Amino acid sequence: MKKRQVVIRKETCHQSSSNQIVQTVRYGECQKNHAIDIGGYAVDGCREFMAGGAEGTTAALSCAACGCHRNFHRQEVDREVLGYSSSHS
């Protein structure tokens, strides 16, 4: 049995003179409405995105738990500022 991991990406967004902003993206529960064809609302209960393949492949965009595309999962973005700001006296 393969061990699956939650997809978390870290990207450097912006770099100023002394600060660097690092963005971490995590995908949470699936929000795909499976009953839209009959006018209802029903989600599958998938709590967290697990990539179906290695990073960089098309299989990595599908959830191994529910089979939905990564875009159906709630995206959580954390931004972290690295470095320091110098104050002028």
C-alpha atoms as a PDB file:
ATOM      1  CA  MET A   1       0.000   0.000   0.000  1.00  0.00           C
ATOM      2  CA  LYS A   2       1.380   3.385  -1.019  1.00  0.00           C
ATOM      3  CA  LYS A   3       1.670   6.184   1.489  1.00  0.00           C
ATOM      4  CA  ARG A   4      -0.038   9.344   0.238  1.00  0.00           C
ATOM      5  CA  GLN A   5       0.701  12.883   1.312  1.00  0.00           C
ATOM      6  CA  VAL A   6      -1.226  16.121   1.310  1.00  0.00           C
ATOM      7  CA  VAL A   7      -0.084  18.497  -1.398  1.00  0.00           C
ATOM      8  CA  ILE A   8       1.651  21.525   0.022  1.00  0.00           C
ATOM      9  CA  ARG A   9       3.466  23.932  -2.242  1.00  0.00           C
ATOM     10  CA  LYS A  10       5.880  26.624  -1.184  1.00  0.00           C
ATOM     11  CA  GLU A  11       6.508  29.499  -3.530  1.00  0.00           C
ATOM     12  CA  THR A  12       8.456  32.709  -3.161  1.00  0.00           C
ATOM     13  CA  CYS A  13       6.016  35.459  -4.067  1.00  0.00           C
ATOM     14  CA  HIS A  14       7.742  38.749  -3.574  1.00  0.00           C
ATOM     15  CA  GLN A  15      11.131  39.949  -2.546  1.00  0.00           C
ATOM     16  CA  SER A  16      11.722  43.477  -1.283  1.00  0.00           C
ATOM     17  CA  SER A  17      14.988  44.998  -0.089  1.00  0.00           C
ATOM     18  CA  SER A  18      15.107  43.048   3.182  1.00  0.00           C
ATOM     19  CA  ASN A  19      11.985  40.849   3.273  1.00  0.00           C
ATOM     20  CA  GLN A  20      10.977  37.743   1.384  1.00  0.00           C
ATOM     21  CA  ILE A  21       7.390  36.465   1.310  1.00  0.00           C
ATOM     22  CA  VAL A  22       6.905  32.692   1.162  1.00  0.00           C
ATOM     23  CA  GLN A  23       3.483  31.360   0.177  1.00  0.00           C
ATOM     24  CA  THR A  24       2.372  27.888   1.292  1.00  0.00           C
ATOM     25  CA  VAL A  25      -0.660  26.359  -0.456  1.00  0.00           C
ATOM     26  CA  ARG A  26      -2.631  23.487   1.113  1.00  0.00           C
ATOM     27  CA  TYR A  27      -5.801  21.881  -0.216  1.00  0.00           C
ATOM     28  CA  GLY A  28      -8.537  20.983   2.295  1.00  0.00           C
ATOM     29  CA  GLU A  29     -11.944  19.329   2.043  1.00  0.00           C
ATOM     30  CA  CYS A  30     -13.681  18.615  -1.245  1.00  0.00           C
ATOM     31  CA  GLN A  31     -16.515  20.992  -2.097  1.00  0.00           C
ATOM     32  CA  LYS A  32     -17.766  19.382  -5.306  1.00  0.00           C
ATOM     33  CA  ASN A  33     -21.563  19.230  -5.432  1.00  0.00           C
ATOM     34  CA  HIS A  34     -22.413  15.709  -6.628  1.00  0.00           C
ATOM     35  CA  ALA A  35     -26.189  16.299  -6.671  1.00  0.00           C
ATOM     36  CA  ILE A  36     -26.305  19.404  -8.852  1.00  0.00           C
ATOM     37  CA  ASP A  37     -27.923  17.483 -11.739  1.00  0.00           C
ATOM     38  CA  ILE A  38     -31.036  16.817  -9.632  1.00  0.00           C
ATOM     39  CA  GLY A  39     -31.110  20.271  -8.027  1.00  0.00           C
ATOM     40  CA  GLY A  40     -29.720  19.207  -4.657  1.00  0.00           C
ATOM     41  CA  TYR A  41     -26.555  19.648  -2.693  1.00  0.00           C
ATOM     42  CA  ALA A  42     -24.386  16.726  -1.597  1.00  0.00           C
ATOM     43  CA  VAL A  43     -20.644  16.528  -1.016  1.00  0.00           C
ATOM     44  CA  ASP A  44     -18.679  13.293  -0.808  1.00  0.00           C
ATOM     45  CA  GLY A  45     -17.141  13.884   2.628  1.00  0.00           C
ATOM     46  CA  CYS A  46     -13.505  13.903   1.483  1.00  0.00           C
ATOM     47  CA  ARG A  47     -11.712  15.832   4.218  1.00  0.00           C
ATOM     48  CA  GLU A  48      -8.334  16.513   2.620  1.00  0.00           C
ATOM     49  CA  PHE A  49      -6.734  16.401  -0.819  1.00  0.00           C
ATOM     50  CA  MET A  50      -4.255  13.581  -1.374  1.00  0.00           C
ATOM     51  CA  ALA A  51      -2.371  13.631  -4.653  1.00  0.00           C
ATOM     52  CA  GLY A  52      -2.964  10.606  -6.847  1.00  0.00           C
ATOM     53  CA  GLY A  53       0.548  10.698  -8.292  1.00  0.00           C
ATOM     54  CA  ALA A  54       3.983  12.252  -8.159  1.00  0.00           C
ATOM     55  CA  GLU A  55       4.331  16.058  -8.233  1.00  0.00           C
ATOM     56  CA  GLY A  56       4.559  17.339 -11.786  1.00  0.00           C
ATOM     57  CA  THR A  57       2.386  14.591 -13.308  1.00  0.00           C
ATOM     58  CA  THR A  58      -1.253  14.918 -14.349  1.00  0.00           C
ATOM     59  CA  ALA A  59      -2.175  12.273 -11.757  1.00  0.00           C
ATOM     60  CA  ALA A  60      -1.053  14.679  -9.024  1.00  0.00           C
ATOM     61  CA  LEU A  61      -4.031  16.905  -9.869  1.00  0.00           C
ATOM     62  CA  SER A  62      -6.593  14.202  -8.975  1.00  0.00           C
ATOM     63  CA  CYS A  63      -7.457  13.309  -5.393  1.00  0.00           C
ATOM     64  CA  ALA A  64      -6.622   9.715  -4.484  1.00  0.00           C
ATOM     65  CA  ALA A  65      -9.457   9.651  -1.922  1.00  0.00           C
ATOM     66  CA  CYS A  66     -12.416  10.984  -3.931  1.00  0.00           C
ATOM     67  CA  GLY A  67     -11.181  11.190  -7.537  1.00  0.00           C
ATOM     68  CA  CYS A  68     -12.036  14.885  -7.929  1.00  0.00           C
ATOM     69  CA  HIS A  69      -9.712  17.463  -9.473  1.00  0.00           C
ATOM     70  CA  ARG A  70      -7.637  19.523  -7.053  1.00  0.00           C
ATOM     71  CA  ASN A  71      -9.671  22.660  -7.935  1.00  0.00           C
ATOM     72  CA  PHE A  72     -12.725  21.221  -6.147  1.00  0.00           C
ATOM     73  CA  HIS A  73     -10.829  21.190  -2.845  1.00  0.00           C
ATOM     74  CA  ARG A  74     -10.771  24.276  -0.642  1.00  0.00           C
ATOM     75  CA  GLN A  75      -7.503  26.121  -1.072  1.00  0.00           C
ATOM     76  CA  GLU A  76      -5.765  27.466   2.033  1.00  0.00           C
ATOM     77  CA  VAL A  77      -2.952  29.949   1.455  1.00  0.00           C
ATOM     78  CA  ASP A  78      -0.527  30.942   4.202  1.00  0.00           C
ATOM     79  CA  ARG A  79       1.886  33.800   3.621  1.00  0.00           C
ATOM     80  CA  GLU A  80       4.982  34.169   5.742  1.00  0.00           C
ATOM     81  CA  VAL A  81       7.355  37.118   5.733  1.00  0.00           C
ATOM     82  CA  LEU A  82      10.978  36.111   6.135  1.00  0.00           C
ATOM     83  CA  GLY A  83      13.617  38.631   7.075  1.00  0.00           C
ATOM     84  CA  TYR A  84      13.291  41.880   8.922  1.00  0.00           C
ATOM     85  CA  SER A  85      12.410  45.485   8.293  1.00  0.00           C
ATOM     86  CA  SER A  86      14.993  48.052   9.224  1.00  0.00           C
ATOM     87  CA  SER A  87      13.609  51.128  10.954  1.00  0.00           C
ATOM     88  CA  HIS A  88      14.982  54.555  10.278  1.00  0.00           C
ATOM     89  CA  SER A  89      15.993  56.670  13.315  1.00  0.00           C
END
